[in-house]
PDB file of N, CA and C in Angstrom:
ATOM      1  N   MET A   1       1.801  66.631 160.848  1.00  0.00           N
ATOM      2  CA  MET A   1       3.019  65.938 160.477  1.00  0.00           C
ATOM      3  C   MET A   1       3.022  65.610 158.988  1.00  0.00           C
ATOM      4  N   LEU A   2       1.849  65.280 158.424  1.00  0.00           N
ATOM      5  CA  LEU A   2       1.798  65.000 156.998  1.00  0.00           C
ATOM      6  C   LEU A   2       2.183  66.213 156.171  1.00  0.00           C
ATOM      7  N   ALA A   3       1.886  67.419 156.676  1.00  0.00           N
ATOM      8  CA  ALA A   3       2.267  68.626 155.952  1.00  0.00           C
ATOM      9  C   ALA A   3       3.785  68.769 155.903  1.00  0.00           C
ATOM     10  N   ARG A   4       4.465  68.366 156.961  1.00  0.00           N
ATOM     11  CA  ARG A   4       5.928  68.472 157.011  1.00  0.00           C
ATOM     12  C   ARG A   4       6.610  67.324 156.274  1.00  0.00           C
ATOM     13  N   ALA A   5       6.003  66.153 156.264  1.00  0.00           N
ATOM     14  CA  ALA A   5       6.591  64.978 155.609  1.00  0.00           C
ATOM     15  C   ALA A   5       5.495  64.242 154.840  1.00  0.00           C
ATOM     16  N   PRO A   6       5.085  64.797 153.690  1.00  0.00           N
ATOM     17  CA  PRO A   6       3.956  64.210 152.972  1.00  0.00           C
ATOM     18  C   PRO A   6       4.204  62.786 152.492  1.00  0.00           C
ATOM     19  N   ASN A   7       5.439  62.365 152.381  1.00  0.00           N
ATOM     20  CA  ASN A   7       5.724  61.005 151.937  1.00  0.00           C
ATOM     21  C   ASN A   7       5.859  60.016 153.087  1.00  0.00           C
ATOM     22  N   ALA A   8       5.619  60.466 154.312  1.00  0.00           N
ATOM     23  CA  ALA A   8       5.667  59.569 155.469  1.00  0.00           C
ATOM     24  C   ALA A   8       4.483  58.614 155.380  1.00  0.00           C
ATOM     25  N   LEU A   9       4.771  57.340 155.292  1.00  0.00           N
ATOM     26  CA  LEU A   9       3.715  56.361 155.075  1.00  0.00           C
ATOM     27  C   LEU A   9       3.108  55.823 156.361  1.00  0.00           C
ATOM     28  N   SER A  10       3.806  55.940 157.471  1.00  0.00           N
ATOM     29  CA  SER A  10       3.307  55.335 158.702  1.00  0.00           C
ATOM     30  C   SER A  10       2.023  56.003 159.189  1.00  0.00           C
ATOM     31  N   LEU A  11       1.887  57.305 158.990  1.00  0.00           N
ATOM     32  CA  LEU A  11       0.682  57.987 159.469  1.00  0.00           C
ATOM     33  C   LEU A  11      -0.580  57.574 158.713  1.00  0.00           C
ATOM     34  N   PRO A  12      -0.592  57.610 157.388  1.00  0.00           N
ATOM     35  CA  PRO A  12      -1.810  57.164 156.715  1.00  0.00           C
ATOM     36  C   PRO A  12      -2.086  55.676 156.907  1.00  0.00           C
ATOM     37  N   LEU A  13      -1.032  54.875 157.082  1.00  0.00           N
ATOM     38  CA  LEU A  13      -1.255  53.452 157.365  1.00  0.00           C
ATOM     39  C   LEU A  13      -1.944  53.273 158.710  1.00  0.00           C
ATOM     40  N   GLU A  14      -1.461  53.980 159.712  1.00  0.00           N
ATOM     41  CA  GLU A  14      -2.075  53.890 161.034  1.00  0.00           C
ATOM     42  C   GLU A  14      -3.499  54.442 160.999  1.00  0.00           C
ATOM     43  N   LYS A  15      -3.694  55.521 160.258  1.00  0.00           N
ATOM     44  CA  LYS A  15      -5.028  56.098 160.126  1.00  0.00           C
ATOM     45  C   LYS A  15      -5.977  55.090 159.491  1.00  0.00           C
ATOM     46  N   ALA A  16      -5.532  54.404 158.454  1.00  0.00           N
ATOM     47  CA  ALA A  16      -6.370  53.393 157.791  1.00  0.00           C
ATOM     48  C   ALA A  16      -6.759  52.287 158.770  1.00  0.00           C
ATOM     49  N   ALA A  17      -5.780  51.826 159.554  1.00  0.00           N
ATOM     50  CA  ALA A  17      -6.051  50.769 160.523  1.00  0.00           C
ATOM     51  C   ALA A  17      -7.025  51.237 161.597  1.00  0.00           C
ATOM     52  N   LEU A  18      -6.823  52.442 162.110  1.00  0.00           N
ATOM     53  CA  LEU A  18      -7.711  52.975 163.152  1.00  0.00           C
ATOM     54  C   LEU A  18      -9.130  53.170 162.634  1.00  0.00           C
ATOM     55  N   LEU A  19      -9.256  53.681 161.428  1.00  0.00           N
ATOM     56  CA  LEU A  19     -10.583  53.883 160.851  1.00  0.00           C
ATOM     57  C   LEU A  19     -11.294  52.549 160.636  1.00  0.00           C
ATOM     58  N   GLY A  20     -10.546  51.545 160.231  1.00  0.00           N
ATOM     59  CA  GLY A  20     -11.131  50.217 160.080  1.00  0.00           C
ATOM     60  C   GLY A  20     -11.642  49.672 161.404  1.00  0.00           C
ATOM     61  N   ARG A  21     -10.838  49.831 162.454  1.00  0.00           N
ATOM     62  CA  ARG A  21     -11.267  49.349 163.772  1.00  0.00           C
ATOM     63  C   ARG A  21     -12.440  50.152 164.311  1.00  0.00           C
ATOM     64  N   ALA A  22     -12.583  51.391 163.839  1.00  0.00           N
ATOM     65  CA  ALA A  22     -13.691  52.242 164.284  1.00  0.00           C
ATOM     66  C   ALA A  22     -14.963  51.983 163.473  1.00  0.00           C
ATOM     67  N   GLY A  23     -14.919  51.018 162.572  1.00  0.00           N
ATOM     68  CA  GLY A  23     -16.104  50.701 161.779  1.00  0.00           C
ATOM     69  C   GLY A  23     -16.331  51.648 160.611  1.00  0.00           C
ATOM     70  N   ARG A  24     -15.254  52.265 160.123  1.00  0.00           N
ATOM     71  CA  ARG A  24     -15.350  53.198 159.001  1.00  0.00           C
ATOM     72  C   ARG A  24     -14.458  52.728 157.855  1.00  0.00           C
ATOM     73  N   PRO A  25     -14.830  51.586 157.236  1.00  0.00           N
ATOM     74  CA  PRO A  25     -13.955  51.012 156.209  1.00  0.00           C
ATOM     75  C   PRO A  25     -13.769  51.897 154.979  1.00  0.00           C
ATOM     76  N   ASP A  26     -14.769  52.657 154.592  1.00  0.00           N
ATOM     77  CA  ASP A  26     -14.608  53.524 153.419  1.00  0.00           C
ATOM     78  C   ASP A  26     -13.535  54.585 153.665  1.00  0.00           C
ATOM     79  N   ASP A  27     -13.542  55.167 154.844  1.00  0.00           N
ATOM     80  CA  ASP A  27     -12.525  56.160 155.186  1.00  0.00           C
ATOM     81  C   ASP A  27     -11.147  55.503 155.311  1.00  0.00           C
ATOM     82  N   GLY A  28     -11.128  54.298 155.841  1.00  0.00           N
ATOM     83  CA  GLY A  28      -9.877  53.558 155.938  1.00  0.00           C
ATOM     84  C   GLY A  28      -9.301  53.232 154.566  1.00  0.00           C
ATOM     85  N   LEU A  29     -10.173  52.872 153.640  1.00  0.00           N
ATOM     86  CA  LEU A  29      -9.722  52.603 152.277  1.00  0.00           C
ATOM     87  C   LEU A  29      -9.119  53.848 151.640  1.00  0.00           C
ATOM     88  N   ALA A  30      -9.715  54.992 151.894  1.00  0.00           N
ATOM     89  CA  ALA A  30      -9.188  56.247 151.349  1.00  0.00           C
ATOM     90  C   ALA A  30      -7.791  56.524 151.901  1.00  0.00           C
ATOM     91  N   ALA A  31      -7.586  56.266 153.181  1.00  0.00           N
ATOM     92  CA  ALA A  31      -6.270  56.479 153.786  1.00  0.00           C
ATOM     93  C   ALA A  31      -5.246  55.498 153.213  1.00  0.00           C
ATOM     94  N   ALA A  32      -5.640  54.253 153.024  1.00  0.00           N
ATOM     95  CA  ALA A  32      -4.731  53.264 152.433  1.00  0.00           C
ATOM     96  C   ALA A  32      -4.398  53.634 150.990  1.00  0.00           C
ATOM     97  N   ASP A  33      -5.362  54.182 150.287  1.00  0.00           N
ATOM     98  CA  ASP A  33      -5.125  54.606 148.901  1.00  0.00           C
ATOM     99  C   ASP A  33      -4.076  55.708 148.822  1.00  0.00           C
ATOM    100  N   LYS A  34      -4.021  56.570 149.826  1.00  0.00           N
ATOM    101  CA  LYS A  34      -2.999  57.627 149.841  1.00  0.00           C
ATOM    102  C   LYS A  34      -1.598  57.012 149.896  1.00  0.00           C
ATOM    103  N   VAL A  35      -1.460  55.938 150.647  1.00  0.00           N
ATOM    104  CA  VAL A  35      -0.172  55.243 150.715  1.00  0.00           C
ATOM    105  C   VAL A  35       0.166  54.652 149.347  1.00  0.00           C
ATOM    106  N   LEU A  36      -0.820  54.052 148.702  1.00  0.00           N
ATOM    107  CA  LEU A  36      -0.574  53.419 147.413  1.00  0.00           C
ATOM    108  C   LEU A  36      -0.293  54.434 146.308  1.00  0.00           C
ATOM    109  N   GLU A  37      -0.722  55.670 146.494  1.00  0.00           N
ATOM    110  CA  GLU A  37      -0.363  56.721 145.538  1.00  0.00           C
ATOM    111  C   GLU A  37       1.132  56.996 145.592  1.00  0.00           C
ATOM    112  N   ILE A  38       1.719  56.848 146.773  1.00  0.00           N
ATOM    113  CA  ILE A  38       3.145  57.117 146.976  1.00  0.00           C
ATOM    114  C   ILE A  38       3.973  55.860 146.693  1.00  0.00           C
ATOM    115  N   SER A  39       3.498  54.738 147.185  1.00  0.00           N
ATOM    116  CA  SER A  39       4.223  53.476 147.061  1.00  0.00           C
ATOM    117  C   SER A  39       3.260  52.418 146.524  1.00  0.00           C
ATOM    118  N   ARG A  40       3.203  52.275 145.223  1.00  0.00           N
ATOM    119  CA  ARG A  40       2.185  51.479 144.524  1.00  0.00           C
ATOM    120  C   ARG A  40       1.994  50.067 145.080  1.00  0.00           C
ATOM    121  N   GLY A  41       3.063  49.386 145.388  1.00  0.00           N
ATOM    122  CA  GLY A  41       2.918  48.002 145.816  1.00  0.00           C
ATOM    123  C   GLY A  41       3.096  47.778 147.302  1.00  0.00           C
ATOM    124  N   HIS A  42       2.904  48.808 148.105  1.00  0.00           N
ATOM    125  CA  HIS A  42       3.155  48.704 149.550  1.00  0.00           C
ATOM    126  C   HIS A  42       2.338  47.551 150.144  1.00  0.00           C
ATOM    127  N   PRO A  43       3.010  46.496 150.649  1.00  0.00           N
ATOM    128  CA  PRO A  43       2.281  45.306 151.093  1.00  0.00           C
ATOM    129  C   PRO A  43       1.354  45.543 152.285  1.00  0.00           C
ATOM    130  N   ARG A  44       1.766  46.376 153.232  1.00  0.00           N
ATOM    131  CA  ARG A  44       0.895  46.606 154.386  1.00  0.00           C
ATOM    132  C   ARG A  44      -0.363  47.368 153.973  1.00  0.00           C
ATOM    133  N   ALA A  45      -0.214  48.332 153.072  1.00  0.00           N
ATOM    134  CA  ALA A  45      -1.381  49.068 152.586  1.00  0.00           C
ATOM    135  C   ALA A  45      -2.327  48.128 151.842  1.00  0.00           C
ATOM    136  N   ARG A  46      -1.762  47.235 151.041  1.00  0.00           N
ATOM    137  CA  ARG A  46      -2.594  46.260 150.319  1.00  0.00           C
ATOM    138  C   ARG A  46      -3.303  45.323 151.302  1.00  0.00           C
ATOM    139  N   ALA A  47      -2.583  44.868 152.332  1.00  0.00           N
ATOM    140  CA  ALA A  47      -3.193  43.980 153.323  1.00  0.00           C
ATOM    141  C   ALA A  47      -4.304  44.697 154.092  1.00  0.00           C
ATOM    142  N   LEU A  48      -4.073  45.960 154.426  1.00  0.00           N
ATOM    143  CA  LEU A  48      -5.120  46.734 155.098  1.00  0.00           C
ATOM    144  C   LEU A  48      -6.340  46.893 154.196  1.00  0.00           C
ATOM    145  N   ARG A  49      -6.091  47.179 152.918  1.00  0.00           N
ATOM    146  CA  ARG A  49      -7.206  47.300 151.970  1.00  0.00           C
ATOM    147  C   ARG A  49      -7.985  45.992 151.908  1.00  0.00           C
ATOM    148  N   ALA A  50      -7.270  44.862 151.907  1.00  0.00           N
ATOM    149  CA  ALA A  50      -7.947  43.564 151.866  1.00  0.00           C
ATOM    150  C   ALA A  50      -8.861  43.397 153.076  1.00  0.00           C
ATOM    151  N   ARG A  51      -8.352  43.744 154.249  1.00  0.00           N
ATOM    152  CA  ARG A  51      -9.158  43.613 155.475  1.00  0.00           C
ATOM    153  C   ARG A  51     -10.372  44.537 155.438  1.00  0.00           C
ATOM    154  N   LEU A  52     -10.161  45.767 154.990  1.00  0.00           N
ATOM    155  CA  LEU A  52     -11.258  46.738 154.936  1.00  0.00           C
ATOM    156  C   LEU A  52     -12.309  46.331 153.910  1.00  0.00           C
ATOM    157  N   LEU A  53     -11.863  45.804 152.781  1.00  0.00           N
ATOM    158  CA  LEU A  53     -12.811  45.323 151.774  1.00  0.00           C
ATOM    159  C   LEU A  53     -13.609  44.133 152.313  1.00  0.00           C
ATOM    160  N   LEU A  54     -12.948  43.264 153.050  1.00  0.00           N
ATOM    161  CA  LEU A  54     -13.644  42.139 153.671  1.00  0.00           C
ATOM    162  C   LEU A  54     -14.658  42.639 154.692  1.00  0.00           C
ATOM    163  N   ASP A  55     -14.279  43.660 155.462  1.00  0.00           N
ATOM    164  CA  ASP A  55     -15.202  44.249 156.430  1.00  0.00           C
ATOM    165  C   ASP A  55     -16.441  44.827 155.746  1.00  0.00           C
ATOM    166  N   LYS A  56     -16.268  45.320 154.527  1.00  0.00           N
ATOM    167  CA  LYS A  56     -17.394  45.868 153.766  1.00  0.00           C
ATOM    168  C   LYS A  56     -18.237  44.768 153.121  1.00  0.00           C
ATOM    169  N   GLY A  57     -17.753  43.528 153.150  1.00  0.00           N
ATOM    170  CA  GLY A  57     -18.488  42.423 152.565  1.00  0.00           C
ATOM    171  C   GLY A  57     -18.125  42.130 151.121  1.00  0.00           C
ATOM    172  N   ASP A  58     -17.027  42.703 150.639  1.00  0.00           N
ATOM    173  CA  ASP A  58     -16.598  42.496 149.267  1.00  0.00           C
ATOM    174  C   ASP A  58     -15.457  41.479 149.239  1.00  0.00           C
ATOM    175  N   ALA A  59     -15.816  40.206 149.427  1.00  0.00           N
ATOM    176  CA  ALA A  59     -14.814  39.145 149.508  1.00  0.00           C
ATOM    177  C   ALA A  59     -13.988  38.999 148.227  1.00  0.00           C
ATOM    178  N   PRO A  60     -14.592  39.046 147.036  1.00  0.00           N
ATOM    179  CA  PRO A  60     -13.764  38.908 145.828  1.00  0.00           C
ATOM    180  C   PRO A  60     -12.689  39.992 145.714  1.00  0.00           C
ATOM    181  N   ALA A  61     -13.044  41.233 145.992  1.00  0.00           N
ATOM    182  CA  ALA A  61     -12.060  42.320 145.936  1.00  0.00           C
ATOM    183  C   ALA A  61     -11.019  42.146 147.041  1.00  0.00           C
ATOM    184  N   ALA A  62     -11.444  41.665 148.202  1.00  0.00           N
ATOM    185  CA  ALA A  62     -10.510  41.436 149.313  1.00  0.00           C
ATOM    186  C   ALA A  62      -9.490  40.368 148.937  1.00  0.00           C
ATOM    187  N   ILE A  63      -9.943  39.309 148.292  1.00  0.00           N
ATOM    188  CA  ILE A  63      -9.027  38.240 147.864  1.00  0.00           C
ATOM    189  C   ILE A  63      -8.034  38.779 146.838  1.00  0.00           C
ATOM    190  N   GLN A  64      -8.517  39.562 145.902  1.00  0.00           N
ATOM    191  CA  GLN A  64      -7.647  40.142 144.898  1.00  0.00           C
ATOM    192  C   GLN A  64      -6.589  41.051 145.546  1.00  0.00           C
ATOM    193  N   GLU A  65      -7.016  41.849 146.490  1.00  0.00           N
ATOM    194  CA  GLU A  65      -6.101  42.767 147.168  1.00  0.00           C
ATOM    195  C   GLU A  65      -5.092  42.001 148.012  1.00  0.00           C
ATOM    196  N   ALA A  66      -5.541  40.955 148.700  1.00  0.00           N
ATOM    197  CA  ALA A  66      -4.638  40.143 149.517  1.00  0.00           C
ATOM    198  C   ALA A  66      -3.601  39.446 148.628  1.00  0.00           C
ATOM    199  N   THR A  67      -4.012  39.013 147.459  1.00  0.00           N
ATOM    200  CA  THR A  67      -3.087  38.408 146.508  1.00  0.00           C
ATOM    201  C   THR A  67      -2.013  39.409 146.092  1.00  0.00           C
ATOM    202  N   GLN A  68      -2.418  40.654 145.830  1.00  0.00           N
ATOM    203  CA  GLN A  68      -1.454  41.689 145.472  1.00  0.00           C
ATOM    204  C   GLN A  68      -0.499  41.988 146.631  1.00  0.00           C
ATOM    205  N   ALA A  69      -1.003  41.931 147.850  1.00  0.00           N
ATOM    206  CA  ALA A  69      -0.139  42.147 149.020  1.00  0.00           C
ATOM    207  C   ALA A  69       0.914  41.043 149.099  1.00  0.00           C
ATOM    208  N   TRP A  70       0.500  39.830 148.828  1.00  0.00           N
ATOM    209  CA  TRP A  70       1.401  38.692 148.912  1.00  0.00           C
ATOM    210  C   TRP A  70       2.479  38.766 147.840  1.00  0.00           C
ATOM    211  N   ILE A  71       2.079  39.181 146.625  1.00  0.00           N
ATOM    212  CA  ILE A  71       3.028  39.268 145.502  1.00  0.00           C
ATOM    213  C   ILE A  71       4.052  40.333 145.810  1.00  0.00           C
TER     214      ILE A  71
END
C-alpha cells in the first residue's frame, strides 16, 4: 500500500506503534521518522517517538519530543 500511496501516514504510524509494542523501539523510531519526513510536525508521530524514546530509557529526549508533540 505504501508503494501506491507513499504519502499515506496511517501505515507508518501504525507500524511504529506495533514495533514499539513488540519491544523494537529502534525500528519504531525509524517508522515514525518516515512520517516526520512527510509531515514535519505531525503530533501523533512526535508522541509515538516520545513513547519509544522513553521505552529506550532516554527520558530527556522523550520529554523534548513530547514537548514538540504538544506544541
